[in-house]
Amino acid sequence: MIESPCINICKLDEATGLCVGCMRSVDEIRSWRDATPEQKLAIIEAARQRGLQAA
């Protein structure tokens, strides 16, 4: 089981549309529950890359 990258800082940045806590988009957050393990890993990696770019 792949755990959600949520860190309980659930606030969307109006400029980017991304959660400021986990860097996921609204669509990624909504689809998480039904995503395959491969999709979840892709979401985690995309969010990680966004976090690196924002830093």
PDB file of N, CA and C in Angstrom:
ATOM      1  N   MET A   1       0.840  -1.183   0.000  1.00  0.00           N
ATOM      2  CA  MET A   1       0.000   0.000   0.000  1.00  0.00           C
ATOM      3  C   MET A   1       0.886   1.249   0.000  1.00  0.00           C
ATOM      4  N   ILE A   2       0.553   2.180  -0.839  1.00  0.00           N
ATOM      5  CA  ILE A   2       1.301   3.421  -0.937  1.00  0.00           C
ATOM      6  C   ILE A   2       0.534   4.501  -0.192  1.00  0.00           C
ATOM      7  N   GLU A   3       1.176   5.090   0.790  1.00  0.00           N
ATOM      8  CA  GLU A   3       0.512   6.096   1.609  1.00  0.00           C
ATOM      9  C   GLU A   3       0.425   7.434   0.893  1.00  0.00           C
ATOM     10  N   SER A   4      -0.620   8.151   1.209  1.00  0.00           N
ATOM     11  CA  SER A   4      -0.826   9.479   0.656  1.00  0.00           C
ATOM     12  C   SER A   4       0.305  10.413   1.090  1.00  0.00           C
ATOM     13  N   PRO A   5       0.722  11.308   0.207  1.00  0.00           N
ATOM     14  CA  PRO A   5       1.749  12.277   0.577  1.00  0.00           C
ATOM     15  C   PRO A   5       1.202  13.452   1.399  1.00  0.00           C
ATOM     16  N   CYS A   6      -0.058  13.407   1.746  1.00  0.00           N
ATOM     17  CA  CYS A   6      -0.683  14.477   2.527  1.00  0.00           C
ATOM     18  C   CYS A   6       0.045  14.644   3.866  1.00  0.00           C
ATOM     19  N   ILE A   7       0.337  15.907   4.215  1.00  0.00           N
ATOM     20  CA  ILE A   7       0.979  16.190   5.503  1.00  0.00           C
ATOM     21  C   ILE A   7       0.083  17.059   6.384  1.00  0.00           C
ATOM     22  N   ASN A   8      -1.199  17.044   6.081  1.00  0.00           N
ATOM     23  CA  ASN A   8      -2.224  17.750   6.857  1.00  0.00           C
ATOM     24  C   ASN A   8      -2.040  19.262   6.898  1.00  0.00           C
ATOM     25  N   ILE A   9      -1.484  19.793   5.830  1.00  0.00           N
ATOM     26  CA  ILE A   9      -1.459  21.242   5.622  1.00  0.00           C
ATOM     27  C   ILE A   9      -2.253  21.456   4.332  1.00  0.00           C
ATOM     28  N   CYS A  10      -3.549  21.358   4.441  1.00  0.00           N
ATOM     29  CA  CYS A  10      -4.429  21.312   3.277  1.00  0.00           C
ATOM     30  C   CYS A  10      -4.947  22.704   2.931  1.00  0.00           C
ATOM     31  N   LYS A  11      -4.181  23.374   2.090  1.00  0.00           N
ATOM     32  CA  LYS A  11      -4.563  24.711   1.644  1.00  0.00           C
ATOM     33  C   LYS A  11      -4.098  24.865   0.207  1.00  0.00           C
ATOM     34  N   LEU A  12      -5.009  25.269  -0.666  1.00  0.00           N
ATOM     35  CA  LEU A  12      -4.645  25.450  -2.059  1.00  0.00           C
ATOM     36  C   LEU A  12      -4.087  26.837  -2.302  1.00  0.00           C
ATOM     37  N   ASP A  13      -3.009  26.877  -3.018  1.00  0.00           N
ATOM     38  CA  ASP A  13      -2.412  28.134  -3.450  1.00  0.00           C
ATOM     39  C   ASP A  13      -3.236  28.618  -4.651  1.00  0.00           C
ATOM     40  N   GLU A  14      -3.810  29.790  -4.546  1.00  0.00           N
ATOM     41  CA  GLU A  14      -4.676  30.294  -5.607  1.00  0.00           C
ATOM     42  C   GLU A  14      -3.915  30.517  -6.914  1.00  0.00           C
ATOM     43  N   ALA A  15      -2.662  30.889  -6.833  1.00  0.00           N
ATOM     44  CA  ALA A  15      -1.881  31.169  -8.036  1.00  0.00           C
ATOM     45  C   ALA A  15      -1.536  29.896  -8.813  1.00  0.00           C
ATOM     46  N   THR A  16      -1.206  28.821  -8.093  1.00  0.00           N
ATOM     47  CA  THR A  16      -0.768  27.593  -8.763  1.00  0.00           C
ATOM     48  C   THR A  16      -1.845  26.520  -8.819  1.00  0.00           C
ATOM     49  N   GLY A  17      -2.809  26.578  -7.909  1.00  0.00           N
ATOM     50  CA  GLY A  17      -3.827  25.534  -7.826  1.00  0.00           C
ATOM     51  C   GLY A  17      -3.322  24.286  -7.133  1.00  0.00           C
ATOM     52  N   LEU A  18      -2.159  24.372  -6.501  1.00  0.00           N
ATOM     53  CA  LEU A  18      -1.556  23.226  -5.820  1.00  0.00           C
ATOM     54  C   LEU A  18      -1.719  23.346  -4.316  1.00  0.00           C
ATOM     55  N   CYS A  19      -1.787  22.206  -3.654  1.00  0.00           N
ATOM     56  CA  CYS A  19      -1.809  22.190  -2.192  1.00  0.00           C
ATOM     57  C   CYS A  19      -0.439  22.643  -1.697  1.00  0.00           C
ATOM     58  N   VAL A  20      -0.417  23.581  -0.771  1.00  0.00           N
ATOM     59  CA  VAL A  20       0.862  24.076  -0.252  1.00  0.00           C
ATOM     60  C   VAL A  20       1.552  23.041   0.637  1.00  0.00           C
ATOM     61  N   GLY A  21       0.825  22.058   1.117  1.00  0.00           N
ATOM     62  CA  GLY A  21       1.418  21.025   1.962  1.00  0.00           C
ATOM     63  C   GLY A  21       2.067  19.906   1.173  1.00  0.00           C
ATOM     64  N   CYS A  22       1.327  19.332   0.226  1.00  0.00           N
ATOM     65  CA  CYS A  22       1.837  18.156  -0.488  1.00  0.00           C
ATOM     66  C   CYS A  22       2.175  18.419  -1.948  1.00  0.00           C
ATOM     67  N   MET A  23       1.878  19.602  -2.451  1.00  0.00           N
ATOM     68  CA  MET A  23       2.178  20.002  -3.826  1.00  0.00           C
ATOM     69  C   MET A  23       1.403  19.224  -4.883  1.00  0.00           C
ATOM     70  N   ARG A  24       0.273  18.627  -4.493  1.00  0.00           N
ATOM     71  CA  ARG A  24      -0.568  17.941  -5.470  1.00  0.00           C
ATOM     72  C   ARG A  24      -1.639  18.886  -5.989  1.00  0.00           C
ATOM     73  N   SER A  25      -2.097  18.609  -7.211  1.00  0.00           N
ATOM     74  CA  SER A  25      -3.204  19.366  -7.781  1.00  0.00           C
ATOM     75  C   SER A  25      -4.519  18.829  -7.212  1.00  0.00           C
ATOM     76  N   VAL A  26      -5.576  19.584  -7.412  1.00  0.00           N
ATOM     77  CA  VAL A  26      -6.889  19.139  -6.951  1.00  0.00           C
ATOM     78  C   VAL A  26      -7.252  17.810  -7.616  1.00  0.00           C
ATOM     79  N   ASP A  27      -6.981  17.684  -8.904  1.00  0.00           N
ATOM     80  CA  ASP A  27      -7.282  16.434  -9.610  1.00  0.00           C
ATOM     81  C   ASP A  27      -6.489  15.265  -9.040  1.00  0.00           C
ATOM     82  N   GLU A  28      -5.232  15.490  -8.699  1.00  0.00           N
ATOM     83  CA  GLU A  28      -4.417  14.418  -8.119  1.00  0.00           C
ATOM     84  C   GLU A  28      -4.937  14.021  -6.745  1.00  0.00           C
ATOM     85  N   ILE A  29      -5.362  14.991  -5.974  1.00  0.00           N
ATOM     86  CA  ILE A  29      -5.913  14.699  -4.643  1.00  0.00           C
ATOM     87  C   ILE A  29      -7.202  13.897  -4.780  1.00  0.00           C
ATOM     88  N   ARG A  30      -8.061  14.335  -5.671  1.00  0.00           N
ATOM     89  CA  ARG A  30      -9.351  13.642  -5.871  1.00  0.00           C
ATOM     90  C   ARG A  30      -9.171  12.222  -6.379  1.00  0.00           C
ATOM     91  N   SER A  31      -8.209  12.006  -7.248  1.00  0.00           N
ATOM     92  CA  SER A  31      -8.048  10.684  -7.868  1.00  0.00           C
ATOM     93  C   SER A  31      -7.229   9.716  -7.021  1.00  0.00           C
ATOM     94  N   TRP A  32      -6.625  10.203  -5.938  1.00  0.00           N
ATOM     95  CA  TRP A  32      -5.712   9.374  -5.149  1.00  0.00           C
ATOM     96  C   TRP A  32      -6.321   8.049  -4.707  1.00  0.00           C
ATOM     97  N   ARG A  33      -7.500   8.084  -4.171  1.00  0.00           N
ATOM     98  CA  ARG A  33      -8.110   6.870  -3.600  1.00  0.00           C
ATOM     99  C   ARG A  33      -8.245   5.754  -4.626  1.00  0.00           C
ATOM    100  N   ASP A  34      -8.599   6.090  -5.863  1.00  0.00           N
ATOM    101  CA  ASP A  34      -8.836   5.074  -6.884  1.00  0.00           C
ATOM    102  C   ASP A  34      -7.645   4.848  -7.816  1.00  0.00           C
ATOM    103  N   ALA A  35      -6.546   5.538  -7.576  1.00  0.00           N
ATOM    104  CA  ALA A  35      -5.367   5.418  -8.435  1.00  0.00           C
ATOM    105  C   ALA A  35      -4.674   4.081  -8.227  1.00  0.00           C
ATOM    106  N   THR A  36      -4.067   3.593  -9.296  1.00  0.00           N
ATOM    107  CA  THR A  36      -3.272   2.369  -9.203  1.00  0.00           C
ATOM    108  C   THR A  36      -1.963   2.699  -8.488  1.00  0.00           C
ATOM    109  N   PRO A  37      -1.245   1.688  -8.019  1.00  0.00           N
ATOM    110  CA  PRO A  37       0.054   1.959  -7.394  1.00  0.00           C
ATOM    111  C   PRO A  37       0.996   2.731  -8.325  1.00  0.00           C
ATOM    112  N   GLU A  38       0.988   2.407  -9.600  1.00  0.00           N
ATOM    113  CA  GLU A  38       1.846   3.104 -10.553  1.00  0.00           C
ATOM    114  C   GLU A  38       1.442   4.571 -10.674  1.00  0.00           C
ATOM    115  N   GLN A  39       0.140   4.839 -10.707  1.00  0.00           N
ATOM    116  CA  GLN A  39      -0.345   6.211 -10.779  1.00  0.00           C
ATOM    117  C   GLN A  39       0.017   6.977  -9.513  1.00  0.00           C
ATOM    118  N   LYS A  40      -0.090   6.331  -8.375  1.00  0.00           N
ATOM    119  CA  LYS A  40       0.260   6.978  -7.109  1.00  0.00           C
ATOM    120  C   LYS A  40       1.737   7.350  -7.075  1.00  0.00           C
ATOM    121  N   LEU A  41       2.585   6.438  -7.534  1.00  0.00           N
ATOM    122  CA  LEU A  41       4.014   6.741  -7.571  1.00  0.00           C
ATOM    123  C   LEU A  41       4.294   7.905  -8.515  1.00  0.00           C
ATOM    124  N   ALA A  42       3.582   7.975  -9.627  1.00  0.00           N
ATOM    125  CA  ALA A  42       3.756   9.082 -10.573  1.00  0.00           C
ATOM    126  C   ALA A  42       3.305  10.403  -9.954  1.00  0.00           C
ATOM    127  N   ILE A  43       2.210  10.376  -9.205  1.00  0.00           N
ATOM    128  CA  ILE A  43       1.715  11.576  -8.525  1.00  0.00           C
ATOM    129  C   ILE A  43       2.732  12.042  -7.487  1.00  0.00           C
ATOM    130  N   ILE A  44       3.266  11.107  -6.713  1.00  0.00           N
ATOM    131  CA  ILE A  44       4.254  11.451  -5.690  1.00  0.00           C
ATOM    132  C   ILE A  44       5.486  12.072  -6.332  1.00  0.00           C
ATOM    133  N   GLU A  45       5.955  11.496  -7.422  1.00  0.00           N
ATOM    134  CA  GLU A  45       7.148  12.017  -8.090  1.00  0.00           C
ATOM    135  C   GLU A  45       6.885  13.403  -8.686  1.00  0.00           C
ATOM    136  N   ALA A  46       5.729  13.594  -9.297  1.00  0.00           N
ATOM    137  CA  ALA A  46       5.390  14.904  -9.862  1.00  0.00           C
ATOM    138  C   ALA A  46       5.326  15.962  -8.755  1.00  0.00           C
ATOM    139  N   ALA A  47       4.720  15.608  -7.636  1.00  0.00           N
ATOM    140  CA  ALA A  47       4.623  16.540  -6.512  1.00  0.00           C
ATOM    141  C   ALA A  47       6.018  16.839  -5.942  1.00  0.00           C
ATOM    142  N   ARG A  48       6.863  15.833  -5.877  1.00  0.00           N
ATOM    143  CA  ARG A  48       8.226  16.024  -5.389  1.00  0.00           C
ATOM    144  C   ARG A  48       8.989  16.989  -6.294  1.00  0.00           C
ATOM    145  N   GLN A  49       8.845  16.809  -7.592  1.00  0.00           N
ATOM    146  CA  GLN A  49       9.512  17.702  -8.541  1.00  0.00           C
ATOM    147  C   GLN A  49       8.996  19.135  -8.404  1.00  0.00           C
ATOM    148  N   ARG A  50       7.698  19.294  -8.211  1.00  0.00           N
ATOM    149  CA  ARG A  50       7.133  20.632  -8.005  1.00  0.00           C
ATOM    150  C   ARG A  50       7.710  21.274  -6.743  1.00  0.00           C
ATOM    151  N   GLY A  51       7.847  20.480  -5.708  1.00  0.00           N
ATOM    152  CA  GLY A  51       8.409  20.988  -4.459  1.00  0.00           C
ATOM    153  C   GLY A  51       9.841  21.444  -4.634  1.00  0.00           C
ATOM    154  N   LEU A  52      10.610  20.705  -5.419  1.00  0.00           N
ATOM    155  CA  LEU A  52      12.002  21.083  -5.676  1.00  0.00           C
ATOM    156  C   LEU A  52      12.072  22.380  -6.479  1.00  0.00           C
ATOM    157  N   GLN A  53      11.176  22.533  -7.442  1.00  0.00           N
ATOM    158  CA  GLN A  53      11.168  23.745  -8.264  1.00  0.00           C
ATOM    159  C   GLN A  53      10.737  24.958  -7.464  1.00  0.00           C
ATOM    160  N   ALA A  54       9.875  24.751  -6.484  1.00  0.00           N
ATOM    161  CA  ALA A  54       9.363  25.859  -5.672  1.00  0.00           C
ATOM    162  C   ALA A  54      10.391  26.323  -4.645  1.00  0.00           C
ATOM    163  N   ALA A  55      11.320  25.448  -4.292  1.00  0.00           N
ATOM    164  CA  ALA A  55      12.298  25.780  -3.246  1.00  0.00           C
ATOM    165  C   ALA A  55      13.373  26.724  -3.721  1.00  0.00           C
TER     166      ALA A  55
END
